[in-house]
């Protein structure tokens, strides 16, 4: 979609809005985001036959989070379907600069460690909001049944990227997680489920994570679902910020979630005709 097409869609859907300025600020696999009047972020599917994962759930989660956190999250201002039936969401701009791996790598070790501890504290704050989600009965949070997710992301097309011996190692991680989840279950909590650097807003002056965006994958899952991005890379600092989990098997749960995430990436690589070699190697580094 061009900027002109996006502006036309927003104007038709929300005629009360006078658009004085508009610019693209992000683009994912299916969703595009624009900044309108330097204050409102509008997100919409790129194509008429595409859709958000669960817009009602995301909106309810953000409404629930309003005023409950020490860091900034989007506030929903507009939500309506356009003439083609696509959901269009308008939300407040979360201030700061998008944090990136390149930015992280540019800092000294002390600053890196401090930022990772900040992320741990953010995750813990989100997870400590309670476990009564009756307010979501009409748009329930998705409890991540990790074994089902694993099987979904490890179809035959993905298995072909590995040798039989490597598949045995991957399945061993799955079997270990199955045992832990059955024998030592943990309480599911409200999770962001996409807690990587790119969804964090950063104050370059104070070196602080000041905001969190993109709650489209938010769900009801075990805490490790939010922290697997840092398995083996900053996990010690992250857990120092998070505090005691009360779960001696937490690193193993992170390991499993890391493998699941990478298998998902491989599946998407194959679907998009991209080479999955890099993500295949990451899986093997974790499981071999």
Protein backbone atom coordinates (compact mmCIF):
# COMPACT_ATOMS: atom_id res chain seq x y z
CA UNK A 1 0.00 0.00 0.00
CA UNK A 2 1.20 3.50 -0.80
CA UNK A 3 1.01 6.31 1.75
CA UNK A 4 -1.74 7.88 -0.35
CA UNK A 5 -3.80 4.67 -0.26
CA UNK A 6 -3.34 4.41 3.50
CA UNK A 7 -4.40 8.02 4.01
CA UNK A 8 -7.48 7.45 1.88
CA UNK A 9 -8.40 4.36 3.91
CA UNK A 10 -8.01 6.18 7.23
CA UNK A 11 -10.00 9.19 6.01
CA UNK A 12 -12.85 7.00 4.75
CA UNK A 13 -12.91 4.93 7.95
CA UNK A 14 -12.51 7.82 10.40
CA UNK A 15 -13.95 10.95 8.71
CA UNK A 16 -13.64 12.89 11.98
CA UNK A 17 -9.84 12.87 11.66
CA UNK A 18 -8.15 15.70 9.75
CA UNK A 19 -4.85 14.33 8.49
CA UNK A 20 -2.21 17.07 8.41
CA UNK A 21 0.79 14.75 8.15
CA UNK A 22 1.36 11.05 7.60
CA UNK A 23 4.44 8.86 7.25
CA UNK A 24 5.21 5.17 7.30
CA UNK A 25 7.01 4.05 10.44
CA UNK A 26 6.90 0.27 10.26
CA UNK A 27 6.04 -2.73 8.16
CA UNK A 28 5.76 -6.36 9.19
CA UNK A 29 4.85 -9.48 7.29
CA UNK A 30 1.15 -8.57 7.10
CA UNK A 31 0.74 -5.28 8.97
CA UNK A 32 1.80 -1.74 8.10
CA UNK A 33 2.03 1.19 10.52
CA UNK A 34 1.90 4.93 9.86
CA UNK A 35 2.24 7.99 12.10
CA UNK A 36 -0.57 10.50 11.64
CA UNK A 37 -0.24 14.12 12.80
CA UNK A 38 2.92 13.17 14.72
CA UNK A 39 0.83 11.70 17.53
CA UNK A 40 -1.33 8.73 16.48
CA UNK A 41 -0.05 5.42 15.14
CA UNK A 42 -2.45 3.67 12.77
CA UNK A 43 -1.94 -0.02 12.01
CA UNK A 44 -3.74 -2.02 9.36
CA UNK A 45 -3.34 -5.20 7.31
CA UNK A 46 -1.49 -4.61 4.06
CA UNK A 47 -4.03 -6.54 2.00
CA UNK A 48 -7.81 -6.67 2.06
CA UNK A 49 -7.77 -10.44 2.68
CA UNK A 50 -5.28 -10.17 5.57
CA UNK A 51 -6.08 -9.53 9.22
CA UNK A 52 -4.62 -8.99 12.68
CA UNK A 53 -4.05 -12.08 14.79
CA UNK A 54 -6.81 -11.15 17.26
CA UNK A 55 -7.51 -7.40 17.39
CA UNK A 56 -10.23 -7.67 20.04
CA UNK A 57 -7.83 -9.48 22.37
CA UNK A 58 -5.05 -6.96 21.79
CA UNK A 59 -7.39 -4.05 22.48
CA UNK A 60 -8.67 -5.64 25.68
CA UNK A 61 -5.14 -6.33 26.87
CA UNK A 62 -4.05 -2.73 26.24
CA UNK A 63 -7.16 -1.38 27.94
CA UNK A 64 -6.41 -3.62 30.93
CA UNK A 65 -2.80 -2.40 31.10
CA UNK A 66 -3.72 1.29 31.06
CA UNK A 67 -2.27 3.02 34.12
CA UNK A 68 -0.90 -0.19 35.63
CA UNK A 69 2.73 -0.10 34.48
CA UNK A 70 5.77 2.09 35.18
CA UNK A 71 6.65 2.12 31.46
CA UNK A 72 4.62 3.40 28.52
CA UNK A 73 2.41 1.19 26.37
CA UNK A 74 0.02 2.21 23.57
CA UNK A 75 -3.46 3.46 24.39
CA UNK A 76 -6.19 2.59 21.91
CA UNK A 77 -7.87 5.68 20.46
CA UNK A 78 -9.59 4.34 17.35
CA UNK A 79 -10.82 0.95 16.21
CA UNK A 80 -13.11 0.29 13.28
CA UNK A 81 -13.35 -1.87 10.18
CA UNK A 82 -12.85 -0.25 6.80
CA UNK A 83 -15.21 -0.84 3.87
CA UNK A 84 -13.38 -4.05 2.94
CA UNK A 85 -13.78 -5.46 6.45
CA UNK A 86 -10.21 -4.97 7.65
CA UNK A 87 -9.64 -3.87 11.23
CA UNK A 88 -7.93 -0.48 11.52
CA UNK A 89 -6.41 0.41 14.88
CA UNK A 90 -5.26 3.86 15.97
CA UNK A 91 -3.23 4.23 19.16
CA UNK A 92 -1.09 6.73 21.01
CA UNK A 93 2.54 7.07 20.00
CA UNK A 94 4.88 5.48 22.53
CA UNK A 95 7.82 7.86 22.88
CA UNK A 96 11.44 6.90 22.49
CA UNK A 97 13.68 5.30 19.89
CA UNK A 98 13.21 1.72 18.75
CA UNK A 99 15.87 -0.36 20.46
CA UNK A 100 17.96 -2.51 18.11
CA UNK A 101 20.63 -5.19 18.32
CA UNK A 102 23.04 -2.78 16.64
CA UNK A 103 22.36 -0.17 19.32
CA UNK A 104 22.82 -2.77 22.05
CA UNK A 105 26.12 -3.94 20.57
CA UNK A 106 27.44 -0.36 20.53
CA UNK A 107 27.31 -0.04 24.32
CA UNK A 108 29.93 -1.07 26.85
CA UNK A 109 29.38 -4.23 28.87
CA UNK A 110 28.14 -2.39 31.96
CA UNK A 111 25.46 -0.56 29.98
CA UNK A 112 24.43 -3.76 28.18
CA UNK A 113 24.05 -5.56 31.50
CA UNK A 114 21.98 -2.73 32.95
CA UNK A 115 19.63 -2.72 29.94
CA UNK A 116 19.15 -6.49 30.14
CA UNK A 117 18.31 -6.15 33.84
CA UNK A 118 15.79 -3.46 32.91
CA UNK A 119 14.12 -5.87 30.47
CA UNK A 120 13.95 -8.48 33.22
CA UNK A 121 12.22 -5.98 35.51
CA UNK A 122 9.76 -5.04 32.76
CA UNK A 123 8.88 -8.69 32.21
CA UNK A 124 8.40 -9.28 35.95
CA UNK A 125 6.20 -6.19 36.30
CA UNK A 126 3.96 -7.43 33.49
CA UNK A 127 3.83 -10.95 34.91
CA UNK A 128 2.89 -9.71 38.38
CA UNK A 129 -0.39 -8.13 37.31
CA UNK A 130 -2.41 -11.10 38.57
CA UNK A 131 -4.01 -14.21 37.18
CA UNK A 132 -7.70 -13.29 37.11
CA UNK A 133 -8.46 -12.78 33.43
CA UNK A 134 -12.23 -13.12 33.64
CA UNK A 135 -12.38 -9.70 31.98
CA UNK A 136 -11.33 -11.49 28.78
CA UNK A 137 -14.09 -14.06 28.66
CA UNK A 138 -15.44 -12.80 25.34
CA UNK A 139 -11.96 -12.54 23.82
CA UNK A 140 -9.90 -15.04 25.82
CA UNK A 141 -6.16 -14.86 26.05
CA UNK A 142 -4.50 -17.72 24.24
CA UNK A 143 -2.78 -20.07 26.67
CA UNK A 144 0.32 -21.24 24.88
CA UNK A 145 0.23 -25.01 24.85
CA UNK A 146 3.87 -25.18 23.91
CA UNK A 147 3.88 -28.78 22.70
CA UNK A 148 1.11 -28.01 20.21
CA UNK A 149 3.02 -24.94 19.08
CA UNK A 150 6.17 -27.03 18.74
CA UNK A 151 4.45 -29.57 16.50
CA UNK A 152 2.90 -26.78 14.43
CA UNK A 153 6.32 -25.20 13.81
CA UNK A 154 8.12 -28.50 13.17
CA UNK A 155 6.31 -30.01 10.16
CA UNK A 156 8.01 -32.26 7.63
CA UNK A 157 9.09 -29.28 5.51
CA UNK A 158 11.13 -27.98 8.44
CA UNK A 159 12.42 -31.43 9.45
CA UNK A 160 13.97 -31.77 5.98
CA UNK A 161 16.43 -29.05 7.00
CA UNK A 162 17.96 -31.39 9.62
CA UNK A 163 19.61 -34.80 9.71
CA UNK A 164 18.00 -37.70 11.60
CA UNK A 165 20.55 -37.27 14.40
CA UNK A 166 19.77 -33.56 14.69
CA UNK A 167 16.03 -34.25 14.77
CA UNK A 168 16.64 -36.64 17.66
CA UNK A 169 18.37 -33.86 19.59
CA UNK A 170 15.52 -31.43 18.88
CA UNK A 171 12.92 -33.99 19.94
CA UNK A 172 14.93 -34.66 23.11
CA UNK A 173 14.44 -31.01 24.09
CA UNK A 174 10.72 -31.37 23.39
CA UNK A 175 10.46 -34.55 25.47
CA UNK A 176 12.32 -32.94 28.35
CA UNK A 177 9.94 -29.98 28.29
CA UNK A 178 6.96 -32.34 28.18
CA UNK A 179 8.26 -34.02 31.32
CA UNK A 180 8.86 -30.71 33.11
CA UNK A 181 5.49 -29.27 32.15
CA UNK A 182 3.73 -32.37 33.46
CA UNK A 183 5.77 -32.92 36.61
CA UNK A 184 6.70 -29.32 37.48
CA UNK A 185 4.04 -27.05 35.95
CA UNK A 186 4.24 -23.29 36.45
CA UNK A 187 1.47 -20.75 36.83
CA UNK A 188 0.66 -19.08 33.51
CA UNK A 189 0.77 -15.28 33.53
CA UNK A 190 -0.04 -12.40 31.21
CA UNK A 191 2.83 -12.37 28.72
CA UNK A 192 3.82 -10.03 25.90
CA UNK A 193 5.02 -13.04 23.86
CA UNK A 194 7.16 -10.90 21.53
CA UNK A 195 9.58 -9.29 23.97
CA UNK A 196 12.54 -8.70 21.67
CA UNK A 197 14.56 -5.51 21.28
CA UNK A 198 12.53 -4.23 18.32
CA UNK A 199 9.38 -3.89 20.43
CA UNK A 200 11.10 -1.75 23.08
CA UNK A 201 11.30 2.02 23.06
CA UNK A 202 14.55 3.47 24.37
CA UNK A 203 15.60 6.85 25.79
CA UNK A 204 19.05 7.46 24.32
CA UNK A 205 19.85 10.12 26.95
CA UNK A 206 19.05 8.12 30.07
CA UNK A 207 19.85 4.71 28.53
CA UNK A 208 16.51 3.42 29.79
CA UNK A 209 13.81 1.23 28.24
CA UNK A 210 10.80 3.54 28.54
CA UNK A 211 8.09 1.81 26.55
CA UNK A 212 6.80 -1.44 25.09
CA UNK A 213 4.80 -1.81 21.87
CA UNK A 214 3.13 -4.48 19.69
CA UNK A 215 0.91 -6.54 21.97
CA UNK A 216 -0.57 -8.48 19.07
CA UNK A 217 0.87 -11.77 20.35
CA UNK A 218 0.09 -11.14 24.02
CA UNK A 219 -1.09 -14.29 25.71
CA UNK A 220 -1.62 -16.34 28.83
CA UNK A 221 1.51 -18.47 29.15
CA UNK A 222 4.40 -19.42 31.36
CA UNK A 223 6.96 -16.63 32.08
CA UNK A 224 9.71 -18.16 29.93
CA UNK A 225 7.58 -17.38 26.88
CA UNK A 226 8.68 -13.74 27.31
CA UNK A 227 12.36 -14.38 27.93
CA UNK A 228 13.46 -17.00 25.43
CA UNK A 229 15.04 -14.42 23.11
CA UNK A 230 17.85 -14.08 25.63
CA UNK A 231 18.63 -17.74 26.21
CA UNK A 232 22.41 -18.09 26.31
CA UNK A 233 22.87 -14.39 25.47
CA UNK A 234 22.32 -12.10 28.41
CA UNK A 235 20.05 -14.54 30.25
CA UNK A 236 22.03 -14.17 33.50
CA UNK A 237 21.58 -10.39 33.58
CA UNK A 238 17.94 -10.69 32.50
CA UNK A 239 17.17 -13.08 35.35
CA UNK A 240 19.00 -10.82 37.79
CA UNK A 241 16.55 -8.07 36.86
CA UNK A 242 13.58 -10.42 36.89
CA UNK A 243 14.34 -11.78 40.35
CA UNK A 244 13.82 -15.24 41.78
CA UNK A 245 11.43 -17.25 39.61
CA UNK A 246 11.05 -20.02 42.17
CA UNK A 247 11.59 -22.43 39.27
CA UNK A 248 14.93 -24.25 39.11
CA UNK A 249 14.02 -25.47 35.63
CA UNK A 250 13.50 -21.98 34.23
CA UNK A 251 16.65 -22.04 32.01
CA UNK A 252 15.45 -25.30 30.45
CA UNK A 253 12.05 -23.77 29.75
CA UNK A 254 13.80 -20.82 28.11
CA UNK A 255 15.79 -23.26 26.01
CA UNK A 256 12.64 -24.96 24.79
CA UNK A 257 10.94 -21.67 23.97
CA UNK A 258 14.05 -20.58 22.04
CA UNK A 259 13.91 -23.71 19.90
CA UNK A 260 10.19 -23.22 19.25
CA UNK A 261 10.78 -19.61 18.19
CA UNK A 262 13.57 -20.56 15.81
CA UNK A 263 11.54 -23.39 14.26
CA UNK A 264 8.82 -20.82 13.64
CA UNK A 265 11.39 -18.59 11.93
CA UNK A 266 12.56 -21.48 9.76
CA UNK A 267 8.96 -22.27 8.79
CA UNK A 268 8.41 -18.62 7.80
CA UNK A 269 11.71 -18.54 5.88
CA UNK A 270 10.60 -21.53 3.82
CA UNK A 271 7.14 -20.09 3.20
CA UNK A 272 8.68 -16.83 1.98
CA UNK A 273 11.27 -18.55 -0.22
CA UNK A 274 14.18 -17.35 1.95
CA UNK A 275 17.18 -19.40 3.01
CA UNK A 276 16.69 -20.78 6.55
CA UNK A 277 20.39 -21.65 7.02
CA UNK A 278 21.05 -19.01 9.67
CA UNK A 279 18.11 -20.06 11.83
CA UNK A 280 18.91 -23.76 11.33
CA UNK A 281 22.38 -23.12 12.73
CA UNK A 282 20.92 -21.25 15.70
CA UNK A 283 18.72 -24.24 16.56
CA UNK A 284 21.70 -26.58 16.39
CA UNK A 285 23.77 -24.32 18.64
CA UNK A 286 21.05 -24.65 21.28
CA UNK A 287 20.26 -28.35 21.07
CA UNK A 288 23.54 -30.06 20.10
